[in-house]
Amino acid sequence: MQGVFVTGTGTGVGKSIVAAALCAALVDARRPVVASKPVLSGLEEPPGVWPYDHDLLALVTGQPADAIAPRRFGPAVSPHLAARLAHVRLTVDDLVGDVHARVAAATGDASNVGGQPAPAAHQGDLGPLAIVEGAGGLLVPLDDDGATMADLAVALGLPLVIAAHPGLGTINHVQLTLEAARSRGLTVAGVVLTPWPTQPSLIEQDNREFLEKSTGLPILGLGTVESPRADHLAAAGLAAGLTDLC
């Protein structure tokens, strides 16, 4: 399975917009893509201008929202607590199975990308790209026994795309996430700072340059997306170079 696992340095750092912009940019580039949000919580809260994560991913990929996020919970809490409150148990194996099922189902439709015929497959293509969006940060717990989002990423075998805010504190947050990832043998494709301003401040520019030098990774800047429209997300994703991370 090819693709990336989108995580964040914490909650509210733009991970969902990064995942959606990446999917939209791939669809715009005529590349088959499958979006997956293995576990989703917070459906009790109204979505506001931006839709729920699975609805947003469905909007840009054309997939059914319920299939993108088969395990959904109402309370806006960590997955382990949401599952406990619902009297269900999350396991890494089950979540991996959900992702593989989505990819397998979509592989049969790989000739259809964004509702139109896809270009002929290139030699070496292994099916659609799986864009898997985690919940919260890398060490968010999935159960009460210690399983985390990092364990899910390891089991899926996908490289990470790390979403982070561009301002004060992000050097520490990104470095901690990288340390946690690399200690588990995870590959990191790159870091996306968002929303990246058209005129970055001194600290924002220094953060980006410092992280580029210290990590050796691509440090991309995803600008403010005007709305949850697929074309706006695709334009922002392409301008930021997100497709280069896959």
C-alpha atoms as a PDB file:
ATOM      1  CA  MET A   1       0.000   0.000   0.000  1.00  0.00           C
ATOM      2  CA  GLN A   2       1.297   3.421  -0.991  1.00  0.00           C
ATOM      3  CA  GLY A   3       0.374   6.722   0.583  1.00  0.00           C
ATOM      4  CA  VAL A   4       0.953   8.743   3.751  1.00  0.00           C
ATOM      5  CA  PHE A   5      -0.333   8.963   7.305  1.00  0.00           C
ATOM      6  CA  VAL A   6      -1.237  12.552   8.213  1.00  0.00           C
ATOM      7  CA  THR A   7      -0.662  13.391  11.860  1.00  0.00           C
ATOM      8  CA  GLY A   8      -0.203  16.608  13.795  1.00  0.00           C
ATOM      9  CA  THR A   9       1.895  18.069  16.559  1.00  0.00           C
ATOM     10  CA  GLY A  10      -1.339  18.351  18.529  1.00  0.00           C
ATOM     11  CA  THR A  11      -5.049  19.069  18.220  1.00  0.00           C
ATOM     12  CA  GLY A  12      -6.167  22.042  16.156  1.00  0.00           C
ATOM     13  CA  VAL A  13      -2.997  22.483  14.099  1.00  0.00           C
ATOM     14  CA  GLY A  14      -4.640  22.086  10.687  1.00  0.00           C
ATOM     15  CA  LYS A  15      -4.209  18.346  10.177  1.00  0.00           C
ATOM     16  CA  SER A  16      -7.642  17.872   8.593  1.00  0.00           C
ATOM     17  CA  ILE A  17      -7.108  20.726   6.146  1.00  0.00           C
ATOM     18  CA  VAL A  18      -3.686  19.346   5.218  1.00  0.00           C
ATOM     19  CA  ALA A  19      -5.195  15.902   4.572  1.00  0.00           C
ATOM     20  CA  ALA A  20      -8.047  17.358   2.528  1.00  0.00           C
ATOM     21  CA  ALA A  21      -5.771  19.687   0.550  1.00  0.00           C
ATOM     22  CA  LEU A  22      -3.444  16.788  -0.222  1.00  0.00           C
ATOM     23  CA  CYS A  23      -6.343  14.618  -1.404  1.00  0.00           C
ATOM     24  CA  ALA A  24      -7.795  17.442  -3.486  1.00  0.00           C
ATOM     25  CA  ALA A  25      -4.422  18.196  -5.066  1.00  0.00           C
ATOM     26  CA  LEU A  26      -3.900  14.527  -5.947  1.00  0.00           C
ATOM     27  CA  VAL A  27      -7.351  14.301  -7.512  1.00  0.00           C
ATOM     28  CA  ASP A  28      -6.639  17.487  -9.472  1.00  0.00           C
ATOM     29  CA  ALA A  29      -3.378  15.916 -10.642  1.00  0.00           C
ATOM     30  CA  ARG A  30      -5.381  12.890 -11.858  1.00  0.00           C
ATOM     31  CA  ARG A  31      -3.844  10.478  -9.357  1.00  0.00           C
ATOM     32  CA  PRO A  32      -6.096   7.794  -7.808  1.00  0.00           C
ATOM     33  CA  VAL A  33      -6.510   8.459  -4.095  1.00  0.00           C
ATOM     34  CA  VAL A  34      -8.338   6.809  -1.197  1.00  0.00           C
ATOM     35  CA  ALA A  35      -9.019   8.817   1.957  1.00  0.00           C
ATOM     36  CA  SER A  36      -9.426   7.153   5.340  1.00  0.00           C
ATOM     37  CA  LYS A  37     -10.148   8.510   8.817  1.00  0.00           C
ATOM     38  CA  PRO A  38      -9.984   5.299  10.889  1.00  0.00           C
ATOM     39  CA  VAL A  39     -11.472   6.849  14.028  1.00  0.00           C
ATOM     40  CA  LEU A  40     -13.406  10.094  14.405  1.00  0.00           C
ATOM     41  CA  SER A  41     -14.840  11.775  17.490  1.00  0.00           C
ATOM     42  CA  GLY A  42     -16.605  15.048  18.181  1.00  0.00           C
ATOM     43  CA  LEU A  43     -19.777  14.601  16.145  1.00  0.00           C
ATOM     44  CA  GLU A  44     -21.872  16.000  19.002  1.00  0.00           C
ATOM     45  CA  GLU A  45     -20.434  19.440  18.287  1.00  0.00           C
ATOM     46  CA  PRO A  46     -21.797  21.405  15.289  1.00  0.00           C
ATOM     47  CA  PRO A  47     -19.264  21.548  12.446  1.00  0.00           C
ATOM     48  CA  GLY A  48     -19.460  25.261  11.643  1.00  0.00           C
ATOM     49  CA  VAL A  49     -18.147  26.620   8.316  1.00  0.00           C
ATOM     50  CA  TRP A  50     -15.854  23.639   7.845  1.00  0.00           C
ATOM     51  CA  PRO A  51     -17.563  20.240   7.770  1.00  0.00           C
ATOM     52  CA  TYR A  52     -16.645  17.229   9.859  1.00  0.00           C
ATOM     53  CA  ASP A  53     -13.382  15.590   8.812  1.00  0.00           C
ATOM     54  CA  HIS A  54     -14.965  12.625   7.018  1.00  0.00           C
ATOM     55  CA  ASP A  55     -17.423  14.897   5.192  1.00  0.00           C
ATOM     56  CA  LEU A  56     -14.555  17.124   4.075  1.00  0.00           C
ATOM     57  CA  LEU A  57     -12.564  14.164   2.763  1.00  0.00           C
ATOM     58  CA  ALA A  58     -15.681  12.847   1.018  1.00  0.00           C
ATOM     59  CA  LEU A  59     -16.192  16.231  -0.613  1.00  0.00           C
ATOM     60  CA  VAL A  60     -12.768  16.199  -2.267  1.00  0.00           C
ATOM     61  CA  THR A  61     -12.530  12.492  -3.143  1.00  0.00           C
ATOM     62  CA  GLY A  62     -16.093  11.558  -4.005  1.00  0.00           C
ATOM     63  CA  GLN A  63     -16.049   8.659  -1.538  1.00  0.00           C
ATOM     64  CA  PRO A  64     -18.953   7.964   0.843  1.00  0.00           C
ATOM     65  CA  ALA A  65     -18.310   9.791   4.118  1.00  0.00           C
ATOM     66  CA  ASP A  66     -19.447   6.862   6.267  1.00  0.00           C
ATOM     67  CA  ALA A  67     -16.972   4.561   4.522  1.00  0.00           C
ATOM     68  CA  ILE A  68     -14.121   7.022   5.067  1.00  0.00           C
ATOM     69  CA  ALA A  69     -14.756   7.019   8.833  1.00  0.00           C
ATOM     70  CA  PRO A  70     -16.447   3.759   9.834  1.00  0.00           C
ATOM     71  CA  ARG A  71     -15.808   4.276  13.564  1.00  0.00           C
ATOM     72  CA  ARG A  72     -17.439   7.511  14.681  1.00  0.00           C
ATOM     73  CA  PHE A  73     -18.170   8.871  18.140  1.00  0.00           C
ATOM     74  CA  GLY A  74     -20.112  11.831  19.494  1.00  0.00           C
ATOM     75  CA  PRO A  75     -18.024  13.278  22.340  1.00  0.00           C
ATOM     76  CA  ALA A  76     -15.066  15.494  21.422  1.00  0.00           C
ATOM     77  CA  VAL A  77     -12.568  13.431  23.396  1.00  0.00           C
ATOM     78  CA  SER A  78      -9.594  11.175  22.746  1.00  0.00           C
ATOM     79  CA  PRO A  79     -10.394   7.966  20.834  1.00  0.00           C
ATOM     80  CA  HIS A  80      -9.723   5.733  23.833  1.00  0.00           C
ATOM     81  CA  LEU A  81     -12.222   7.639  25.987  1.00  0.00           C
ATOM     82  CA  ALA A  82     -14.777   7.977  23.191  1.00  0.00           C
ATOM     83  CA  ALA A  83     -14.666   4.209  22.674  1.00  0.00           C
ATOM     84  CA  ARG A  84     -14.923   3.524  26.386  1.00  0.00           C
ATOM     85  CA  LEU A  85     -17.959   5.783  26.713  1.00  0.00           C
ATOM     86  CA  ALA A  86     -19.559   3.946  23.790  1.00  0.00           C
ATOM     87  CA  HIS A  87     -18.737   0.561  25.366  1.00  0.00           C
ATOM     88  CA  VAL A  88     -16.665  -0.553  22.393  1.00  0.00           C
ATOM     89  CA  ARG A  89     -12.998  -1.405  22.029  1.00  0.00           C
ATOM     90  CA  LEU A  90     -10.650  -0.039  19.413  1.00  0.00           C
ATOM     91  CA  THR A  91      -7.759  -2.202  18.279  1.00  0.00           C
ATOM     92  CA  VAL A  92      -4.937  -1.442  15.895  1.00  0.00           C
ATOM     93  CA  ASP A  93      -5.693  -4.609  13.939  1.00  0.00           C
ATOM     94  CA  ASP A  94      -9.316  -3.597  13.394  1.00  0.00           C
ATOM     95  CA  LEU A  95      -8.386  -0.082  12.302  1.00  0.00           C
ATOM     96  CA  VAL A  96      -5.739  -1.408   9.909  1.00  0.00           C
ATOM     97  CA  GLY A  97      -8.355  -3.759   8.512  1.00  0.00           C
ATOM     98  CA  ASP A  98     -10.689  -0.837   7.929  1.00  0.00           C
ATOM     99  CA  VAL A  99      -8.023   1.041   5.950  1.00  0.00           C
ATOM    100  CA  HIS A 100      -7.116  -1.977   3.838  1.00  0.00           C
ATOM    101  CA  ALA A 101     -10.800  -2.602   3.157  1.00  0.00           C
ATOM    102  CA  ARG A 102     -11.180   0.971   1.896  1.00  0.00           C
ATOM    103  CA  VAL A 103      -8.166   0.618  -0.384  1.00  0.00           C
ATOM    104  CA  ALA A 104      -9.342  -2.753  -1.670  1.00  0.00           C
ATOM    105  CA  ALA A 105     -12.812  -1.391  -2.395  1.00  0.00           C
ATOM    106  CA  ALA A 106     -11.418   1.644  -4.156  1.00  0.00           C
ATOM    107  CA  THR A 107      -8.904  -0.338  -6.184  1.00  0.00           C
ATOM    108  CA  GLY A 108     -11.779  -1.718  -8.190  1.00  0.00           C
ATOM    109  CA  ASP A 109     -12.727   1.882  -8.976  1.00  0.00           C
ATOM    110  CA  ALA A 110      -9.166   3.054  -9.642  1.00  0.00           C
ATOM    111  CA  SER A 111     -10.173   3.901 -13.197  1.00  0.00           C
ATOM    112  CA  ASN A 112     -12.414   6.603 -11.750  1.00  0.00           C
ATOM    113  CA  VAL A 113     -10.679   9.606 -10.215  1.00  0.00           C
ATOM    114  CA  GLY A 114     -12.786  12.512  -9.026  1.00  0.00           C
ATOM    115  CA  GLY A 115     -15.691  11.223 -11.110  1.00  0.00           C
ATOM    116  CA  GLN A 116     -13.748  11.046 -14.393  1.00  0.00           C
ATOM    117  CA  PRO A 117     -11.578   8.397 -16.070  1.00  0.00           C
ATOM    118  CA  ALA A 118      -8.057   8.271 -14.724  1.00  0.00           C
ATOM    119  CA  PRO A 119      -4.971   8.255 -16.916  1.00  0.00           C
ATOM    120  CA  ALA A 120      -3.359   4.951 -17.762  1.00  0.00           C
ATOM    121  CA  ALA A 121      -1.405   3.435 -14.890  1.00  0.00           C
ATOM    122  CA  HIS A 122       2.329   3.911 -14.916  1.00  0.00           C
ATOM    123  CA  GLN A 123       4.639   0.960 -14.662  1.00  0.00           C
ATOM    124  CA  GLY A 124       5.271   0.240 -10.997  1.00  0.00           C
ATOM    125  CA  ASP A 125       1.980   1.739  -9.782  1.00  0.00           C
ATOM    126  CA  LEU A 126       0.558  -0.302  -6.922  1.00  0.00           C
ATOM    127  CA  GLY A 127      -2.964   1.064  -6.889  1.00  0.00           C
ATOM    128  CA  PRO A 128      -4.441   4.224  -5.395  1.00  0.00           C
ATOM    129  CA  LEU A 129      -2.616   6.324  -2.843  1.00  0.00           C
ATOM    130  CA  ALA A 130      -3.994   5.935   0.679  1.00  0.00           C
ATOM    131  CA  ILE A 131      -4.229   9.213   2.579  1.00  0.00           C
ATOM    132  CA  VAL A 132      -4.907   8.220   6.174  1.00  0.00           C
ATOM    133  CA  GLU A 133      -5.742  10.957   8.662  1.00  0.00           C
ATOM    134  CA  GLY A 134      -5.041  10.248  12.307  1.00  0.00           C
ATOM    135  CA  ALA A 135      -6.739  11.770  15.319  1.00  0.00           C
ATOM    136  CA  GLY A 136      -4.876  14.428  17.280  1.00  0.00           C
ATOM    137  CA  GLY A 137      -1.144  13.873  17.686  1.00  0.00           C
ATOM    138  CA  LEU A 138       1.048  10.836  17.217  1.00  0.00           C
ATOM    139  CA  LEU A 139       0.834   9.615  20.815  1.00  0.00           C
ATOM    140  CA  VAL A 140      -2.924   9.992  21.234  1.00  0.00           C
ATOM    141  CA  PRO A 141      -4.171   6.765  22.877  1.00  0.00           C
ATOM    142  CA  LEU A 142      -6.453   4.348  21.075  1.00  0.00           C
ATOM    143  CA  ASP A 143      -7.224   2.197  24.103  1.00  0.00           C
ATOM    144  CA  ASP A 144      -6.536   1.949  27.817  1.00  0.00           C
ATOM    145  CA  ASP A 145      -3.677  -0.513  27.303  1.00  0.00           C
ATOM    146  CA  GLY A 146      -1.189   1.834  25.661  1.00  0.00           C
ATOM    147  CA  ALA A 147      -1.879   1.556  21.924  1.00  0.00           C
ATOM    148  CA  THR A 148      -1.457   4.904  20.161  1.00  0.00           C
ATOM    149  CA  MET A 149      -1.816   6.536  16.767  1.00  0.00           C
ATOM    150  CA  ALA A 150       1.884   5.847  16.310  1.00  0.00           C
ATOM    151  CA  ASP A 151       1.179   2.114  16.575  1.00  0.00           C
ATOM    152  CA  LEU A 152      -1.463   2.462  13.879  1.00  0.00           C
ATOM    153  CA  ALA A 153       0.979   4.303  11.605  1.00  0.00           C
ATOM    154  CA  VAL A 154       3.603   1.606  12.184  1.00  0.00           C
ATOM    155  CA  ALA A 155       1.126  -1.165  11.415  1.00  0.00           C
ATOM    156  CA  LEU A 156       0.049   0.547   8.210  1.00  0.00           C
ATOM    157  CA  GLY A 157       3.661   1.014   7.130  1.00  0.00           C
ATOM    158  CA  LEU A 158       3.015   4.509   5.784  1.00  0.00           C
ATOM    159  CA  PRO A 159       5.371   7.499   6.016  1.00  0.00           C
ATOM    160  CA  LEU A 160       4.194  10.461   8.050  1.00  0.00           C
ATOM    161  CA  VAL A 161       3.169  13.928   6.992  1.00  0.00           C
ATOM    162  CA  ILE A 162       3.234  16.131  10.091  1.00  0.00           C
ATOM    163  CA  ALA A 163       0.954  19.158  10.300  1.00  0.00           C
ATOM    164  CA  ALA A 164       2.080  21.971  12.597  1.00  0.00           C
ATOM    165  CA  HIS A 165       1.310  25.624  13.186  1.00  0.00           C
ATOM    166  CA  PRO A 166       3.993  28.072  11.990  1.00  0.00           C
ATOM    167  CA  GLY A 167       4.363  30.202  15.109  1.00  0.00           C
ATOM    168  CA  LEU A 168       6.011  30.196  18.507  1.00  0.00           C
ATOM    169  CA  GLY A 169       6.598  26.761  20.013  1.00  0.00           C
ATOM    170  CA  THR A 170       6.448  24.817  16.789  1.00  0.00           C
ATOM    171  CA  ILE A 171      10.176  23.946  16.720  1.00  0.00           C
ATOM    172  CA  ASN A 172       9.794  22.063  19.982  1.00  0.00           C
ATOM    173  CA  HIS A 173       6.497  20.449  18.985  1.00  0.00           C
ATOM    174  CA  VAL A 174       7.825  19.275  15.616  1.00  0.00           C
ATOM    175  CA  GLN A 175      11.097  17.985  17.080  1.00  0.00           C
ATOM    176  CA  LEU A 176       9.236  16.032  19.775  1.00  0.00           C
ATOM    177  CA  THR A 177       6.937  14.490  17.175  1.00  0.00           C
ATOM    178  CA  LEU A 178       9.918  13.569  15.007  1.00  0.00           C
ATOM    179  CA  GLU A 179      11.698  12.000  17.964  1.00  0.00           C
ATOM    180  CA  ALA A 180       8.636   9.916  18.802  1.00  0.00           C
ATOM    181  CA  ALA A 181       8.243   8.880  15.170  1.00  0.00           C
ATOM    182  CA  ARG A 182      11.846   7.958  14.525  1.00  0.00           C
ATOM    183  CA  SER A 183      12.170   6.026  17.787  1.00  0.00           C
ATOM    184  CA  ARG A 184       9.445   3.752  16.418  1.00  0.00           C
ATOM    185  CA  GLY A 185      11.072   3.345  13.029  1.00  0.00           C
ATOM    186  CA  LEU A 186       8.584   5.573  11.233  1.00  0.00           C
ATOM    187  CA  THR A 187       9.645   7.398   8.090  1.00  0.00           C
ATOM    188  CA  VAL A 188       8.691  11.062   7.833  1.00  0.00           C
ATOM    189  CA  ALA A 189       7.905  12.427   4.373  1.00  0.00           C
ATOM    190  CA  GLY A 190       7.754  16.040   5.483  1.00  0.00           C
ATOM    191  CA  VAL A 191       6.265  18.731   7.689  1.00  0.00           C
ATOM    192  CA  VAL A 192       3.511  21.145   6.658  1.00  0.00           C
ATOM    193  CA  LEU A 193       3.261  24.479   8.481  1.00  0.00           C
ATOM    194  CA  THR A 194      -0.237  25.913   8.244  1.00  0.00           C
ATOM    195  CA  PRO A 195      -1.744  28.395   7.804  1.00  0.00           C
ATOM    196  CA  TRP A 196       1.395  29.748   6.196  1.00  0.00           C
ATOM    197  CA  PRO A 197       1.000  33.537   5.802  1.00  0.00           C
ATOM    198  CA  THR A 198       1.686  35.416   2.589  1.00  0.00           C
ATOM    199  CA  GLN A 199       3.998  37.657   4.616  1.00  0.00           C
ATOM    200  CA  PRO A 200       5.531  35.482   7.343  1.00  0.00           C
ATOM    201  CA  SER A 201       6.854  37.128  10.467  1.00  0.00           C
ATOM    202  CA  LEU A 202      10.482  36.879  11.500  1.00  0.00           C
ATOM    203  CA  ILE A 203       9.747  34.010  13.908  1.00  0.00           C
ATOM    204  CA  GLU A 204       7.641  32.114  11.361  1.00  0.00           C
ATOM    205  CA  GLN A 205      10.334  32.381   8.695  1.00  0.00           C
ATOM    206  CA  ASP A 206      13.043  31.433  11.182  1.00  0.00           C
ATOM    207  CA  ASN A 207      11.004  28.442  12.383  1.00  0.00           C
ATOM    208  CA  ARG A 208      10.769  27.137   8.843  1.00  0.00           C
ATOM    209  CA  GLU A 209      14.420  27.697   8.049  1.00  0.00           C
ATOM    210  CA  PHE A 210      15.560  26.202  11.370  1.00  0.00           C
ATOM    211  CA  LEU A 211      13.447  23.081  10.880  1.00  0.00           C
ATOM    212  CA  GLU A 212      14.663  22.649   7.286  1.00  0.00           C
ATOM    213  CA  LYS A 213      18.266  22.787   8.450  1.00  0.00           C
ATOM    214  CA  SER A 214      17.899  20.728  11.629  1.00  0.00           C
ATOM    215  CA  THR A 215      15.663  17.953  10.280  1.00  0.00           C
ATOM    216  CA  GLY A 216      16.751  17.643   6.657  1.00  0.00           C
ATOM    217  CA  LEU A 217      13.077  17.250   5.734  1.00  0.00           C
ATOM    218  CA  PRO A 218      10.875  19.190   3.350  1.00  0.00           C
ATOM    219  CA  ILE A 219       9.171  21.912   5.415  1.00  0.00           C
ATOM    220  CA  LEU A 220       6.228  23.116   3.354  1.00  0.00           C
ATOM    221  CA  GLY A 221       3.873  26.004   3.938  1.00  0.00           C
ATOM    222  CA  LEU A 222       0.164  25.537   3.243  1.00  0.00           C
ATOM    223  CA  GLY A 223      -1.506  28.904   2.947  1.00  0.00           C
ATOM    224  CA  THR A 224      -4.937  29.859   4.247  1.00  0.00           C
ATOM    225  CA  VAL A 225      -7.654  28.001   2.336  1.00  0.00           C
ATOM    226  CA  GLU A 226     -10.558  30.278   1.442  1.00  0.00           C
ATOM    227  CA  SER A 227     -13.310  27.718   1.935  1.00  0.00           C
ATOM    228  CA  PRO A 228     -13.924  23.954   2.065  1.00  0.00           C
ATOM    229  CA  ARG A 229     -14.520  23.881  -1.683  1.00  0.00           C
ATOM    230  CA  ALA A 230     -12.564  21.173  -3.494  1.00  0.00           C
ATOM    231  CA  ASP A 231     -11.058  23.631  -5.990  1.00  0.00           C
ATOM    232  CA  HIS A 232      -9.840  25.940  -3.223  1.00  0.00           C
ATOM    233  CA  LEU A 233      -8.272  23.005  -1.360  1.00  0.00           C
ATOM    234  CA  ALA A 234      -6.665  21.667  -4.537  1.00  0.00           C
ATOM    235  CA  ALA A 235      -5.213  25.058  -5.483  1.00  0.00           C
ATOM    236  CA  ALA A 236      -3.722  25.518  -2.015  1.00  0.00           C
ATOM    237  CA  GLY A 237      -2.352  21.991  -1.924  1.00  0.00           C
ATOM    238  CA  LEU A 238      -0.753  22.259  -5.339  1.00  0.00           C
ATOM    239  CA  ALA A 239       0.735  25.677  -4.558  1.00  0.00           C
ATOM    240  CA  ALA A 240       2.284  24.251  -1.382  1.00  0.00           C
ATOM    241  CA  GLY A 241       3.739  21.254  -3.219  1.00  0.00           C
ATOM    242  CA  LEU A 242       1.877  18.702  -1.074  1.00  0.00           C
ATOM    243  CA  THR A 243       1.773  16.115  -3.857  1.00  0.00           C
ATOM    244  CA  ASP A 244       5.573  15.890  -3.692  1.00  0.00           C
ATOM    245  CA  LEU A 245       5.186  14.194  -0.291  1.00  0.00           C
ATOM    246  CA  CYS A 246       3.584  11.072  -1.828  1.00  0.00           C
END
